[in-house]
N, C-alpha and C. Protein backbone atom coordinates (compact mmCIF):
# COMPACT_ATOMS: atom_id res chain seq x y z
N MET A 1 0.83 -1.18 0.00
CA MET A 1 0.00 0.00 0.00
C MET A 1 0.88 1.24 0.00
N LYS A 2 0.32 2.31 -0.52
CA LYS A 2 1.02 3.59 -0.53
C LYS A 2 0.00 4.69 -0.31
N VAL A 3 0.26 5.54 0.63
CA VAL A 3 -0.60 6.68 0.90
C VAL A 3 0.10 7.93 0.36
N VAL A 4 -0.63 8.74 -0.38
CA VAL A 4 -0.13 10.02 -0.85
C VAL A 4 -1.10 11.07 -0.33
N CYS A 5 -0.63 11.89 0.58
CA CYS A 5 -1.50 12.88 1.21
C CYS A 5 -1.66 14.11 0.34
N ASP A 6 -2.66 14.91 0.68
CA ASP A 6 -2.91 16.15 -0.03
C ASP A 6 -1.65 17.00 -0.02
N GLY A 7 -1.28 17.52 -1.18
CA GLY A 7 -0.09 18.36 -1.30
C GLY A 7 1.18 17.58 -1.57
N GLU A 8 1.15 16.25 -1.43
CA GLU A 8 2.33 15.43 -1.71
C GLU A 8 2.32 15.00 -3.17
N GLY A 9 3.50 14.75 -3.69
CA GLY A 9 3.64 14.28 -5.06
C GLY A 9 4.88 14.89 -5.69
N TYR A 10 4.97 14.76 -7.01
CA TYR A 10 6.12 15.24 -7.76
C TYR A 10 5.63 16.23 -8.81
N LYS A 11 5.98 17.49 -8.66
CA LYS A 11 5.58 18.50 -9.64
C LYS A 11 6.32 18.22 -10.95
N TYR A 12 5.64 18.41 -12.07
CA TYR A 12 6.28 18.21 -13.37
C TYR A 12 5.67 19.14 -14.41
N ASP A 13 6.41 19.36 -15.49
CA ASP A 13 5.93 20.14 -16.62
C ASP A 13 5.40 19.16 -17.66
N ALA A 14 4.10 19.18 -17.87
CA ALA A 14 3.47 18.28 -18.84
C ALA A 14 3.79 18.76 -20.25
N LYS A 15 4.29 17.87 -21.07
CA LYS A 15 4.64 18.20 -22.45
C LYS A 15 3.40 18.67 -23.21
N LYS A 16 3.58 19.67 -24.04
CA LYS A 16 2.54 20.22 -24.91
C LYS A 16 1.35 20.80 -24.15
N HIS A 17 1.54 21.11 -22.86
CA HIS A 17 0.50 21.76 -22.06
C HIS A 17 0.90 23.22 -21.84
N PHE A 18 -0.09 24.08 -21.63
CA PHE A 18 0.18 25.49 -21.42
C PHE A 18 -0.78 26.02 -20.35
N ASN A 19 -0.28 27.03 -19.59
CA ASN A 19 -1.05 27.57 -18.47
C ASN A 19 -1.57 26.44 -17.58
N CYS A 20 -0.66 25.53 -17.26
CA CYS A 20 -1.01 24.32 -16.52
C CYS A 20 0.05 24.03 -15.47
N TRP A 21 -0.39 23.57 -14.33
CA TRP A 21 0.48 23.12 -13.25
C TRP A 21 0.07 21.69 -12.94
N ALA A 22 1.03 20.77 -12.91
CA ALA A 22 0.69 19.35 -12.75
C ALA A 22 1.55 18.70 -11.68
N MET A 23 0.97 17.68 -11.02
CA MET A 23 1.67 16.95 -9.98
C MET A 23 1.36 15.47 -10.09
N TYR A 24 2.42 14.65 -10.20
CA TYR A 24 2.25 13.20 -10.11
C TYR A 24 1.88 12.84 -8.69
N LYS A 25 0.88 12.02 -8.53
CA LYS A 25 0.55 11.43 -7.24
C LYS A 25 1.14 10.02 -7.18
N LEU A 26 1.08 9.33 -8.32
CA LEU A 26 1.75 8.03 -8.50
C LEU A 26 2.38 8.07 -9.89
N GLU A 27 3.61 7.63 -10.00
CA GLU A 27 4.30 7.67 -11.29
C GLU A 27 4.78 6.27 -11.67
N VAL A 28 4.45 5.87 -12.89
CA VAL A 28 4.87 4.57 -13.39
C VAL A 28 6.40 4.50 -13.38
N GLY A 29 6.92 3.36 -12.97
CA GLY A 29 8.36 3.19 -12.88
C GLY A 29 8.96 3.66 -11.57
N LYS A 30 8.26 4.55 -10.87
CA LYS A 30 8.73 5.05 -9.59
C LYS A 30 7.87 4.50 -8.45
N ASP A 31 6.56 4.52 -8.65
CA ASP A 31 5.62 4.10 -7.61
C ASP A 31 4.80 2.87 -8.02
N THR A 32 4.57 2.71 -9.32
CA THR A 32 3.72 1.62 -9.83
C THR A 32 4.36 0.99 -11.06
N LYS A 33 3.79 -0.12 -11.50
CA LYS A 33 4.30 -0.81 -12.70
C LYS A 33 3.65 -0.33 -13.98
N LYS A 34 2.36 0.04 -13.94
CA LYS A 34 1.66 0.38 -15.17
C LYS A 34 0.80 1.63 -15.12
N THR A 35 0.55 2.18 -13.94
CA THR A 35 -0.41 3.27 -13.82
C THR A 35 0.24 4.54 -13.27
N THR A 36 -0.06 5.65 -13.93
CA THR A 36 0.33 6.97 -13.46
C THR A 36 -0.95 7.71 -13.08
N LEU A 37 -0.92 8.39 -11.96
CA LEU A 37 -2.06 9.19 -11.53
C LEU A 37 -1.53 10.58 -11.23
N SER A 38 -2.16 11.58 -11.83
CA SER A 38 -1.72 12.95 -11.59
C SER A 38 -2.92 13.88 -11.45
N ILE A 39 -2.63 15.05 -10.92
CA ILE A 39 -3.60 16.12 -10.80
C ILE A 39 -3.09 17.26 -11.67
N SER A 40 -3.95 17.77 -12.56
CA SER A 40 -3.59 18.90 -13.41
C SER A 40 -4.49 20.07 -13.05
N HIS A 41 -3.87 21.24 -12.92
CA HIS A 41 -4.60 22.48 -12.65
C HIS A 41 -4.40 23.38 -13.88
N PHE A 42 -5.49 23.66 -14.58
CA PHE A 42 -5.43 24.51 -15.77
C PHE A 42 -5.98 25.89 -15.43
N LEU A 43 -5.22 26.91 -15.74
CA LEU A 43 -5.69 28.28 -15.59
C LEU A 43 -6.63 28.62 -16.76
N PRO A 44 -7.40 29.69 -16.66
CA PRO A 44 -8.19 30.12 -17.81
C PRO A 44 -7.28 30.26 -19.04
N GLU A 45 -7.77 29.84 -20.18
CA GLU A 45 -7.03 29.79 -21.44
C GLU A 45 -5.93 28.73 -21.42
N GLY A 46 -5.89 27.90 -20.40
CA GLY A 46 -4.93 26.82 -20.33
C GLY A 46 -5.45 25.59 -21.06
N GLY A 47 -4.53 24.69 -21.40
CA GLY A 47 -4.94 23.47 -22.08
C GLY A 47 -3.77 22.65 -22.54
N ALA A 48 -4.01 21.86 -23.58
CA ALA A 48 -3.00 20.98 -24.15
C ALA A 48 -3.14 20.95 -25.67
N GLU A 49 -2.01 20.93 -26.35
CA GLU A 49 -1.99 20.84 -27.81
C GLU A 49 -2.45 19.47 -28.27
N LEU A 50 -2.87 19.38 -29.52
CA LEU A 50 -3.28 18.11 -30.11
C LEU A 50 -2.11 17.13 -30.09
N SER A 51 -2.35 15.95 -29.52
CA SER A 51 -1.34 14.90 -29.46
C SER A 51 -2.02 13.57 -29.21
N SER A 52 -1.23 12.51 -29.30
CA SER A 52 -1.73 11.17 -28.99
C SER A 52 -0.68 10.45 -28.16
N SER A 53 -1.07 9.30 -27.64
CA SER A 53 -0.18 8.52 -26.78
C SER A 53 -0.53 7.04 -26.94
N PRO A 54 0.45 6.14 -26.78
CA PRO A 54 0.15 4.71 -26.84
C PRO A 54 -0.48 4.18 -25.55
N LYS A 55 -0.82 5.08 -24.62
CA LYS A 55 -1.37 4.68 -23.32
C LYS A 55 -2.85 5.03 -23.22
N GLU A 56 -3.57 4.30 -22.36
CA GLU A 56 -4.95 4.64 -22.04
C GLU A 56 -4.95 5.82 -21.07
N ARG A 57 -5.95 6.69 -21.23
CA ARG A 57 -6.08 7.84 -20.33
C ARG A 57 -7.52 7.99 -19.89
N VAL A 58 -7.68 8.45 -18.66
CA VAL A 58 -8.99 8.82 -18.14
C VAL A 58 -8.83 10.21 -17.56
N TYR A 59 -9.71 11.12 -17.98
CA TYR A 59 -9.77 12.46 -17.42
C TYR A 59 -11.02 12.53 -16.54
N PHE A 60 -10.87 13.01 -15.32
CA PHE A 60 -12.01 13.21 -14.43
C PHE A 60 -11.92 14.63 -13.89
N ILE A 61 -12.91 15.45 -14.18
CA ILE A 61 -12.90 16.84 -13.74
C ILE A 61 -13.32 16.89 -12.27
N LEU A 62 -12.42 17.37 -11.43
CA LEU A 62 -12.67 17.44 -9.99
C LEU A 62 -13.41 18.71 -9.59
N SER A 63 -12.97 19.84 -10.13
CA SER A 63 -13.57 21.10 -9.72
C SER A 63 -13.28 22.20 -10.73
N GLY A 64 -13.96 23.32 -10.55
CA GLY A 64 -13.73 24.48 -11.39
C GLY A 64 -14.74 24.62 -12.50
N GLY A 65 -14.26 25.18 -13.60
CA GLY A 65 -15.10 25.44 -14.76
C GLY A 65 -15.20 24.25 -15.69
N ALA A 66 -15.20 24.56 -16.98
CA ALA A 66 -15.37 23.53 -18.00
C ALA A 66 -14.10 23.39 -18.84
N LEU A 67 -13.86 22.17 -19.32
CA LEU A 67 -12.73 21.86 -20.18
C LEU A 67 -13.26 21.25 -21.46
N LYS A 68 -12.92 21.88 -22.60
CA LYS A 68 -13.33 21.34 -23.89
C LYS A 68 -12.21 20.45 -24.42
N VAL A 69 -12.55 19.18 -24.70
CA VAL A 69 -11.60 18.22 -25.24
C VAL A 69 -12.06 17.87 -26.65
N THR A 70 -11.16 18.04 -27.62
CA THR A 70 -11.49 17.76 -29.00
C THR A 70 -10.59 16.66 -29.55
N GLY A 71 -11.17 15.86 -30.43
CA GLY A 71 -10.44 14.83 -31.15
C GLY A 71 -10.59 15.09 -32.63
N LYS A 72 -10.30 14.07 -33.42
CA LYS A 72 -10.39 14.23 -34.88
C LYS A 72 -11.81 14.55 -35.32
N SER A 73 -12.79 13.88 -34.77
CA SER A 73 -14.16 14.05 -35.26
C SER A 73 -15.18 14.29 -34.15
N GLU A 74 -14.71 14.56 -32.93
CA GLU A 74 -15.66 14.78 -31.85
C GLU A 74 -15.14 15.83 -30.88
N GLU A 75 -16.07 16.37 -30.10
CA GLU A 75 -15.76 17.41 -29.13
C GLU A 75 -16.64 17.20 -27.90
N HIS A 76 -16.04 17.33 -26.73
CA HIS A 76 -16.78 17.16 -25.49
C HIS A 76 -16.43 18.30 -24.54
N VAL A 77 -17.42 18.84 -23.88
CA VAL A 77 -17.19 19.85 -22.84
C VAL A 77 -17.43 19.15 -21.51
N LEU A 78 -16.37 19.05 -20.71
CA LEU A 78 -16.42 18.35 -19.43
C LEU A 78 -16.54 19.36 -18.30
N GLU A 79 -17.40 19.04 -17.35
CA GLU A 79 -17.59 19.87 -16.16
C GLU A 79 -17.33 19.02 -14.92
N PRO A 80 -17.24 19.62 -13.74
CA PRO A 80 -16.97 18.84 -12.53
C PRO A 80 -17.89 17.62 -12.41
N GLY A 81 -17.27 16.48 -12.14
CA GLY A 81 -17.99 15.21 -12.04
C GLY A 81 -18.01 14.42 -13.32
N ASP A 82 -17.62 15.05 -14.46
CA ASP A 82 -17.60 14.35 -15.75
C ASP A 82 -16.28 13.60 -15.94
N MET A 83 -16.34 12.51 -16.69
CA MET A 83 -15.18 11.68 -16.97
C MET A 83 -15.10 11.41 -18.46
N LEU A 84 -13.88 11.31 -18.99
CA LEU A 84 -13.66 11.00 -20.40
C LEU A 84 -12.58 9.93 -20.51
N TYR A 85 -12.87 8.86 -21.24
CA TYR A 85 -11.88 7.81 -21.53
C TYR A 85 -11.27 8.09 -22.90
N ILE A 86 -9.95 7.99 -23.00
CA ILE A 86 -9.23 8.19 -24.27
C ILE A 86 -8.43 6.93 -24.55
N ALA A 87 -8.74 6.28 -25.67
CA ALA A 87 -8.09 5.02 -26.05
C ALA A 87 -6.65 5.27 -26.50
N PRO A 88 -5.80 4.24 -26.43
CA PRO A 88 -4.43 4.37 -26.92
C PRO A 88 -4.42 4.82 -28.38
N GLY A 89 -3.56 5.79 -28.69
CA GLY A 89 -3.43 6.28 -30.05
C GLY A 89 -4.44 7.34 -30.46
N GLU A 90 -5.45 7.59 -29.64
CA GLU A 90 -6.48 8.57 -29.98
C GLU A 90 -5.96 9.99 -29.74
N GLU A 91 -6.07 10.84 -30.75
CA GLU A 91 -5.62 12.22 -30.62
C GLU A 91 -6.62 13.03 -29.82
N ARG A 92 -6.08 14.00 -29.04
CA ARG A 92 -6.95 14.89 -28.28
C ARG A 92 -6.21 16.19 -28.00
N ALA A 93 -6.99 17.25 -27.88
CA ALA A 93 -6.51 18.55 -27.45
C ALA A 93 -7.49 19.04 -26.39
N ALA A 94 -7.06 19.98 -25.56
CA ALA A 94 -7.94 20.46 -24.49
C ALA A 94 -7.74 21.96 -24.29
N ILE A 95 -8.82 22.64 -23.89
CA ILE A 95 -8.75 24.06 -23.58
C ILE A 95 -9.82 24.39 -22.54
N VAL A 96 -9.46 25.24 -21.57
CA VAL A 96 -10.42 25.68 -20.57
C VAL A 96 -11.43 26.61 -21.25
N VAL A 97 -12.70 26.39 -20.95
CA VAL A 97 -13.78 27.23 -21.46
C VAL A 97 -14.17 28.22 -20.37
N GLY A 98 -14.10 29.50 -20.64
CA GLY A 98 -14.49 30.49 -19.65
C GLY A 98 -13.32 30.97 -18.80
N ASN A 99 -13.66 31.61 -17.71
CA ASN A 99 -12.67 32.28 -16.86
C ASN A 99 -12.38 31.58 -15.55
N GLU A 100 -12.86 30.37 -15.38
CA GLU A 100 -12.65 29.65 -14.12
C GLU A 100 -11.62 28.54 -14.33
N PRO A 101 -10.60 28.44 -13.45
CA PRO A 101 -9.63 27.35 -13.56
C PRO A 101 -10.31 25.97 -13.47
N VAL A 102 -9.63 24.95 -13.95
CA VAL A 102 -10.13 23.58 -13.93
C VAL A 102 -9.10 22.68 -13.26
N THR A 103 -9.55 21.85 -12.33
CA THR A 103 -8.69 20.85 -11.72
C THR A 103 -9.16 19.48 -12.16
N MET A 104 -8.22 18.68 -12.66
CA MET A 104 -8.55 17.40 -13.28
C MET A 104 -7.65 16.29 -12.75
N LEU A 105 -8.26 15.15 -12.47
CA LEU A 105 -7.54 13.93 -12.14
C LEU A 105 -7.25 13.22 -13.46
N VAL A 106 -6.00 12.81 -13.67
CA VAL A 106 -5.61 12.11 -14.88
C VAL A 106 -5.05 10.74 -14.49
N ILE A 107 -5.64 9.69 -15.08
CA ILE A 107 -5.15 8.33 -14.87
C ILE A 107 -4.61 7.83 -16.20
N ILE A 108 -3.35 7.41 -16.20
CA ILE A 108 -2.69 6.94 -17.42
C ILE A 108 -2.21 5.52 -17.17
N THR A 109 -2.57 4.61 -18.08
CA THR A 109 -2.20 3.20 -17.92
C THR A 109 -1.40 2.73 -19.12
N ASP A 110 -0.22 2.14 -18.86
CA ASP A 110 0.56 1.49 -19.91
C ASP A 110 -0.18 0.23 -20.32
N VAL A 111 -0.41 0.04 -21.60
CA VAL A 111 -1.13 -1.14 -22.07
C VAL A 111 -0.22 -2.19 -22.65
N ALA A 112 1.05 -1.87 -22.82
CA ALA A 112 2.00 -2.84 -23.38
C ALA A 112 2.52 -3.77 -22.31
């Protein structure tokens, strides 16, 4: 078992993200074998550029405003309590909608 208390973790700069502050709560290779869990805080106008990954991802909006996530042919606006699953290889971009910051739980799983 591993307990990670509020405020604990490893701060990191998420690639292709902007106006964002992120913290690993569990990091693959350091704390776990296949799963990374992080908290991302997006400021207004913050988000992530279009990209893909060979890993599964789950976004869960914890608090704040809305986050628009777009893919090749779909768009979703997520609000607190909403969850989005992103399959390996699926492209996505994200941007905060409005003037309220967004806090999001991100779960990333290695599938290989």
